[in-house]
N, C-alpha and C. Protein backbone atom coordinates (compact mmCIF):
# COMPACT_ATOMS: atom_id res chain seq x y z
N MET A 1 151.31 121.33 71.57
CA MET A 1 150.97 122.76 71.81
C MET A 1 150.18 123.03 72.99
N SER A 2 150.25 124.23 73.62
CA SER A 2 149.56 124.46 74.91
C SER A 2 148.79 125.89 74.59
N ASP A 3 147.78 126.00 75.44
CA ASP A 3 146.99 127.32 75.43
C ASP A 3 147.37 128.12 76.21
N ALA A 4 146.98 129.41 76.59
CA ALA A 4 147.29 130.49 77.54
C ALA A 4 147.33 129.90 78.99
N MET A 5 146.64 128.92 79.22
CA MET A 5 146.51 128.47 80.69
C MET A 5 147.30 127.10 80.71
N GLY A 6 148.26 126.94 79.72
CA GLY A 6 149.12 125.93 80.02
C GLY A 6 148.56 124.53 79.82
N GLN A 7 147.23 124.33 79.36
CA GLN A 7 146.69 123.02 78.96
C GLN A 7 147.15 122.37 77.68
N PRO A 8 147.28 121.29 77.47
CA PRO A 8 147.74 120.70 76.35
C PRO A 8 146.40 120.99 75.15
N GLY A 9 146.55 121.19 73.93
CA GLY A 9 145.68 121.28 73.15
C GLY A 9 146.03 121.10 71.56
N GLN A 10 145.16 120.96 70.65
CA GLN A 10 145.64 120.76 69.28
C GLN A 10 144.54 121.59 68.45
N ARG A 11 145.03 122.09 67.25
CA ARG A 11 144.03 122.48 66.23
C ARG A 11 142.96 121.43 65.89
N ILE A 12 141.73 121.89 65.76
CA ILE A 12 140.81 120.67 65.17
C ILE A 12 141.11 120.32 64.01
N ASP A 13 141.49 121.13 63.00
CA ASP A 13 141.55 120.67 61.70
C ASP A 13 142.68 119.60 61.60
N ARG A 14 143.80 120.08 62.53
CA ARG A 14 144.97 119.03 62.38
C ARG A 14 144.67 117.64 63.11
N TRP A 15 143.85 117.67 64.13
CA TRP A 15 143.31 116.45 64.88
C TRP A 15 142.46 115.46 63.96
N LEU A 16 141.40 116.13 63.11
CA LEU A 16 140.67 115.39 62.22
C LEU A 16 141.44 114.75 61.30
N TRP A 17 142.39 115.35 60.71
CA TRP A 17 143.18 114.92 59.73
C TRP A 17 144.12 113.52 60.37
N CYS A 18 144.68 113.82 61.53
CA CYS A 18 145.57 112.96 62.01
C CYS A 18 144.63 111.68 62.67
N ALA A 19 143.47 111.79 62.80
CA ALA A 19 142.49 110.69 63.35
C ALA A 19 142.01 110.02 62.08
N ARG A 20 142.32 110.44 60.71
CA ARG A 20 142.12 109.75 59.61
C ARG A 20 140.56 109.96 59.53
N PHE A 21 139.91 111.01 59.61
CA PHE A 21 138.31 111.32 59.39
C PHE A 21 138.37 111.97 57.92
N LEU A 22 139.43 112.50 57.66
CA LEU A 22 139.39 113.21 56.30
C LEU A 22 140.85 113.20 55.74
N LYS A 23 141.01 113.11 54.42
CA LYS A 23 142.15 112.71 53.68
C LYS A 23 143.29 113.82 53.72
N SER A 24 142.82 114.95 53.90
CA SER A 24 143.69 116.25 53.93
C SER A 24 143.34 117.26 54.95
N ARG A 25 144.17 117.91 55.46
CA ARG A 25 144.20 118.93 56.55
C ARG A 25 143.17 120.07 55.78
N SER A 26 143.33 120.35 54.55
CA SER A 26 142.51 121.63 53.97
C SER A 26 141.03 120.86 53.72
N LEU A 27 140.71 119.65 53.75
CA LEU A 27 139.49 119.18 53.79
C LEU A 27 138.87 119.28 55.06
N ALA A 28 139.70 119.06 56.13
CA ALA A 28 139.29 119.20 57.48
C ALA A 28 138.85 120.75 57.84
N ALA A 29 139.84 121.57 57.38
CA ALA A 29 139.66 122.96 57.66
C ALA A 29 138.23 123.36 56.98
N THR A 30 138.11 123.00 55.93
CA THR A 30 136.77 123.22 55.00
C THR A 30 135.57 122.91 55.81
N LEU A 31 135.45 121.60 56.20
CA LEU A 31 134.44 121.16 56.98
C LEU A 31 134.18 122.01 58.13
N VAL A 32 135.19 122.22 58.99
CA VAL A 32 135.00 123.09 60.31
C VAL A 32 134.51 124.57 59.71
N GLN A 33 135.21 125.16 58.82
CA GLN A 33 134.84 126.50 58.31
C GLN A 33 133.19 126.72 57.82
N SER A 34 132.77 125.49 57.40
CA SER A 34 131.45 125.17 57.00
C SER A 34 130.50 125.46 57.99
N GLY A 35 130.93 125.38 59.22
CA GLY A 35 129.78 125.42 60.43
C GLY A 35 129.22 124.40 60.92
N ARG A 36 129.52 123.08 60.36
CA ARG A 36 128.89 121.90 60.55
C ARG A 36 129.48 121.02 61.68
N VAL A 37 130.47 121.58 62.46
CA VAL A 37 131.23 120.74 63.26
C VAL A 37 130.79 121.66 64.71
N ARG A 38 130.59 120.66 65.76
CA ARG A 38 130.08 121.20 66.97
C ARG A 38 131.25 120.49 68.23
N VAL A 39 131.85 121.44 68.90
CA VAL A 39 132.80 120.93 70.17
C VAL A 39 131.97 121.12 71.44
N ASN A 40 131.68 119.86 72.08
CA ASN A 40 130.77 119.96 73.34
C ASN A 40 129.67 120.76 73.25
N GLY A 41 128.77 120.37 71.84
CA GLY A 41 127.55 121.16 71.62
C GLY A 41 127.73 122.42 71.09
N GLU A 42 128.78 123.02 70.96
CA GLU A 42 128.88 124.38 70.60
C GLU A 42 129.42 124.44 69.15
N ARG A 43 128.79 125.07 68.16
CA ARG A 43 129.08 125.10 66.88
C ARG A 43 130.38 125.97 66.66
N ILE A 44 131.18 125.50 65.76
CA ILE A 44 132.48 126.27 65.64
C ILE A 44 132.53 126.62 64.17
N SER A 45 133.32 127.50 63.77
CA SER A 45 133.58 127.64 62.43
C SER A 45 135.04 128.13 62.12
N LYS A 46 135.94 127.87 62.93
CA LYS A 46 137.36 128.24 62.89
C LYS A 46 138.24 127.22 63.05
N ALA A 47 139.10 126.87 62.12
CA ALA A 47 139.77 125.70 62.04
C ALA A 47 140.78 125.78 63.13
N SER A 48 141.21 126.84 63.59
CA SER A 48 142.24 127.13 64.49
C SER A 48 141.78 126.68 65.90
N ARG A 49 140.55 126.40 66.06
CA ARG A 49 139.98 126.11 67.53
C ARG A 49 140.56 125.04 68.06
N THR A 50 140.99 125.17 69.52
CA THR A 50 141.88 124.28 70.20
C THR A 50 140.94 123.21 70.88
N ILE A 51 141.38 121.92 70.48
CA ILE A 51 140.40 121.03 71.16
C ILE A 51 141.32 120.26 72.31
N ARG A 52 140.90 119.62 73.45
CA ARG A 52 141.48 118.88 74.33
C ARG A 52 141.02 117.36 74.55
N PRO A 53 141.72 116.62 75.05
CA PRO A 53 141.20 115.34 75.67
C PRO A 53 139.93 115.50 76.45
N GLY A 54 138.92 114.72 76.22
CA GLY A 54 137.70 115.04 76.81
C GLY A 54 136.57 115.63 75.99
N ASP A 55 137.00 116.20 75.13
CA ASP A 55 136.17 117.05 74.03
C ASP A 55 135.12 116.24 73.35
N ALA A 56 133.95 116.51 73.27
CA ALA A 56 133.08 115.71 72.37
C ALA A 56 132.97 116.54 71.16
N LEU A 57 133.03 115.75 69.89
CA LEU A 57 133.00 116.41 68.66
C LEU A 57 131.82 115.59 67.88
N THR A 58 131.07 116.40 67.10
CA THR A 58 129.86 116.08 66.25
C THR A 58 130.06 116.77 64.96
N PHE A 59 130.26 116.01 64.01
CA PHE A 59 130.27 116.30 62.64
C PHE A 59 129.71 115.46 61.52
N PRO A 60 129.38 115.87 60.41
CA PRO A 60 128.77 115.01 59.37
C PRO A 60 130.08 114.35 58.47
N LEU A 61 129.90 113.14 58.23
CA LEU A 61 130.87 112.58 57.39
C LEU A 61 130.34 111.65 56.63
N GLY A 62 130.23 111.74 55.29
CA GLY A 62 129.38 110.94 54.34
C GLY A 62 127.91 111.15 54.66
N PRO A 63 127.19 110.01 54.83
CA PRO A 63 125.77 109.80 55.07
C PRO A 63 125.63 109.74 56.60
N HIS A 64 126.46 109.90 57.42
CA HIS A 64 126.53 109.52 58.72
C HIS A 64 126.87 110.86 59.62
N ILE A 65 126.31 111.10 60.80
CA ILE A 65 126.65 112.01 61.66
C ILE A 65 127.57 111.39 62.74
N ARG A 66 128.81 111.84 62.77
CA ARG A 66 129.80 111.10 63.68
C ARG A 66 129.94 111.81 65.01
N VAL A 67 129.82 111.26 66.07
CA VAL A 67 130.14 111.81 67.56
C VAL A 67 130.96 110.98 68.06
N VAL A 68 132.15 111.79 68.35
CA VAL A 68 133.40 111.08 68.90
C VAL A 68 133.98 111.96 70.26
N LYS A 69 134.45 111.10 71.02
CA LYS A 69 135.09 111.73 72.28
C LYS A 69 136.48 111.66 72.09
N VAL A 70 137.36 112.84 72.26
CA VAL A 70 138.76 112.97 71.90
C VAL A 70 139.34 112.30 73.37
N LEU A 71 140.15 111.24 72.97
CA LEU A 71 141.01 110.64 74.16
C LEU A 71 142.27 110.99 74.22
N PHE A 72 142.97 111.19 73.25
CA PHE A 72 144.27 111.64 73.08
C PHE A 72 144.45 112.71 71.85
N LEU A 73 145.64 113.57 72.09
CA LEU A 73 145.96 114.39 71.04
C LEU A 73 146.99 113.64 70.21
N ALA A 74 147.04 113.85 68.92
CA ALA A 74 147.70 113.25 68.02
C ALA A 74 149.06 113.92 67.79
N GLU A 75 150.21 113.14 67.68
CA GLU A 75 151.52 113.56 67.57
C GLU A 75 151.86 113.71 66.17
N ARG A 76 151.24 112.50 65.29
CA ARG A 76 151.41 112.59 63.93
C ARG A 76 150.25 111.81 63.37
N ARG A 77 150.38 111.83 61.95
CA ARG A 77 149.14 110.95 61.26
C ARG A 77 149.81 109.62 61.04
N GLY A 78 149.48 108.58 61.77
CA GLY A 78 149.90 107.40 61.73
C GLY A 78 149.20 106.38 61.26
N PRO A 79 149.37 105.15 61.18
CA PRO A 79 148.48 104.10 60.89
C PRO A 79 147.14 104.10 61.50
N ALA A 80 146.26 103.67 60.45
CA ALA A 80 144.72 103.55 61.09
C ALA A 80 144.41 103.03 62.53
N PRO A 81 145.45 101.95 62.78
CA PRO A 81 144.88 101.56 64.29
C PRO A 81 145.35 102.48 65.47
N GLU A 82 146.44 103.34 65.04
CA GLU A 82 146.95 104.26 65.85
C GLU A 82 146.15 105.32 65.92
N ALA A 83 145.48 105.84 64.68
CA ALA A 83 144.51 107.01 64.67
C ALA A 83 143.27 106.55 65.27
N GLN A 84 142.78 105.31 65.39
CA GLN A 84 141.48 104.85 65.92
C GLN A 84 141.77 105.03 67.58
N SER A 85 142.92 104.99 68.04
CA SER A 85 143.15 104.90 69.51
C SER A 85 142.94 106.48 70.05
N LEU A 86 143.01 107.38 69.16
CA LEU A 86 142.83 108.60 69.40
C LEU A 86 141.45 109.02 70.00
N TYR A 87 140.42 108.33 69.77
CA TYR A 87 138.88 108.67 70.06
C TYR A 87 138.14 107.47 70.43
N GLU A 88 136.92 107.92 70.97
CA GLU A 88 136.09 106.81 71.23
C GLU A 88 134.63 107.34 70.50
N ASP A 89 134.37 106.30 69.87
CA ASP A 89 133.17 106.45 69.03
C ASP A 89 132.02 106.44 69.79
N LEU A 90 131.40 107.54 69.94
CA LEU A 90 130.10 107.48 71.04
C LEU A 90 128.72 107.19 70.24
N ASP A 91 128.84 107.33 68.93
CA ASP A 91 127.53 106.70 68.14
C ASP A 91 128.14 106.05 67.00
N PRO A 92 128.37 104.86 67.02
CA PRO A 92 128.76 104.07 65.78
C PRO A 92 127.67 104.04 64.89
N PRO A 93 127.88 104.02 63.56
CA PRO A 93 126.97 103.73 62.55
C PRO A 93 126.21 102.50 62.57
N ALA A 94 125.03 102.49 62.50
CA ALA A 94 123.97 101.22 62.45
C ALA A 94 124.55 100.20 61.40
N PRO A 95 124.64 98.76 61.70
CA PRO A 95 124.80 97.93 60.65
C PRO A 95 123.73 98.06 59.47
N LEU A 96 124.32 97.79 58.24
CA LEU A 96 123.47 97.80 57.29
C LEU A 96 121.97 96.99 57.42
N SER A 97 121.98 95.90 58.02
CA SER A 97 120.72 95.11 58.17
C SER A 97 119.79 96.04 58.98
N SER A 98 120.15 96.70 59.91
CA SER A 98 119.32 97.41 60.82
C SER A 98 118.78 98.71 60.28
N ARG A 99 119.20 99.30 59.35
CA ARG A 99 119.04 100.72 58.91
C ARG A 99 117.55 100.70 58.12
N SER A 100 117.11 99.60 57.62
CA SER A 100 115.69 99.77 56.79
C SER A 100 114.73 99.51 57.78
N ASP A 101 113.73 100.17 57.54
CA ASP A 101 112.49 100.07 58.42
C ASP A 101 111.78 98.78 57.98
N PRO A 102 111.46 97.76 58.93
CA PRO A 102 110.86 96.38 58.75
C PRO A 102 109.51 96.60 57.96
N SER A 103 108.79 97.60 58.34
CA SER A 103 107.43 97.83 57.95
C SER A 103 107.24 98.20 56.34
N GLU A 104 108.66 98.63 55.93
CA GLU A 104 108.53 99.05 54.61
C GLU A 104 108.51 97.80 53.36
N PRO A 105 107.78 98.11 52.31
CA PRO A 105 107.73 96.86 51.41
C PRO A 105 109.40 96.92 50.91
N GLN A 106 110.08 95.68 50.64
CA GLN A 106 111.37 95.55 50.16
C GLN A 106 111.36 95.12 48.71
N ALA A 107 112.20 95.56 47.83
CA ALA A 107 112.21 94.91 46.60
C ALA A 107 113.01 93.63 46.64
N PRO A 108 112.58 92.56 45.78
CA PRO A 108 112.99 91.20 46.04
C PRO A 108 114.78 91.24 45.84
N MET A 109 115.11 90.68 46.67
CA MET A 109 116.79 90.54 46.52
C MET A 109 117.21 89.44 45.66
N ARG A 110 118.03 89.75 44.79
CA ARG A 110 118.42 88.79 43.80
C ARG A 110 120.24 88.43 44.01
N GLU A 111 120.45 87.19 43.69
CA GLU A 111 121.91 86.92 43.98
C GLU A 111 122.69 87.67 42.88
N PRO A 112 123.75 88.18 43.24
CA PRO A 112 124.72 89.02 42.15
C PRO A 112 125.11 87.87 41.11
N GLY A 113 125.00 88.33 39.74
CA GLY A 113 125.46 87.44 38.75
C GLY A 113 124.45 86.54 38.44
N SER A 114 123.09 86.67 38.62
CA SER A 114 121.97 85.79 38.35
C SER A 114 121.38 86.07 36.92
N GLY A 115 121.71 87.28 36.23
CA GLY A 115 121.23 87.56 35.07
C GLY A 115 120.23 88.63 35.21
N ARG A 116 119.29 88.71 34.11
CA ARG A 116 118.60 89.92 34.02
C ARG A 116 117.28 89.49 34.86
N PRO A 117 116.51 90.43 35.44
CA PRO A 117 115.25 90.01 36.26
C PRO A 117 114.27 89.48 35.47
N THR A 118 113.47 88.42 35.83
CA THR A 118 112.23 87.88 35.16
C THR A 118 111.25 89.04 35.08
N LYS A 119 110.22 88.67 34.11
CA LYS A 119 109.05 89.59 34.15
C LYS A 119 108.57 89.73 35.28
N LYS A 120 108.17 88.65 36.26
CA LYS A 120 107.63 88.95 37.26
C LYS A 120 108.45 89.65 38.32
N GLU A 121 109.57 89.47 38.41
CA GLU A 121 110.47 90.31 39.05
C GLU A 121 110.50 91.77 38.83
N ARG A 122 110.50 91.90 37.61
CA ARG A 122 110.48 93.28 37.04
C ARG A 122 109.30 93.98 37.52
N ARG A 123 107.95 93.16 37.43
CA ARG A 123 106.78 93.88 37.71
C ARG A 123 106.67 94.22 39.26
N GLN A 124 107.26 93.33 40.20
CA GLN A 124 107.26 93.50 41.51
C GLN A 124 108.20 94.84 41.72
N THR A 125 109.25 94.95 41.12
CA THR A 125 110.01 96.16 41.24
C THR A 125 109.39 97.66 40.95
N GLU A 126 108.66 97.42 39.86
CA GLU A 126 107.88 98.59 39.32
C GLU A 126 106.89 99.01 40.24
N MET A 127 106.12 97.86 40.77
CA MET A 127 105.23 98.06 41.63
C MET A 127 105.46 98.84 42.90
N LEU A 128 106.61 98.49 43.42
CA LEU A 128 107.13 99.07 44.50
C LEU A 128 107.61 100.51 44.44
N ARG A 129 108.14 100.84 43.08
CA ARG A 129 108.67 102.06 42.71
C ARG A 129 107.39 103.07 42.35
N GLY A 130 106.14 102.37 42.22
CA GLY A 130 105.05 103.28 41.87
C GLY A 130 104.77 103.31 40.44
N ASN A 131 105.58 102.74 39.53
CA ASN A 131 105.44 102.80 38.02
C ASN A 131 104.51 101.55 37.71
N ASP A 132 103.21 101.35 38.00
CA ASP A 132 102.50 100.15 37.66
C ASP A 132 101.68 100.63 36.63
N GLY A 133 101.97 101.53 35.87
CA GLY A 133 101.40 102.03 34.43
C GLY A 133 101.42 101.04 33.51
């Protein structure tokens, strides 16, 4: 698809779906229409907005804010490796280990399948939650 100036472009809802950020095109259109998607820093609310290679997209996805740069336009919704080649992730999500603040007290970690917590472990957990009553 080309715009009025002859530059290649693609609808943002279709591109988000082809890049496998959302499971359906209607979910992609709903996300865009909610007004929470930005293209090059500009808030958009129309799913028919045309995007081009080089555009930067910012949008919420689950608990993360995704920032991606469009590298290529999608010809089809292909497999995941093909979809990942359509964009460059400018702000990848932080690994789980670095998300928590090291100054915060942490609940004691237990091995999965180790049974019920002991009385001492239960008291430590309650103290962290503020239920020391």
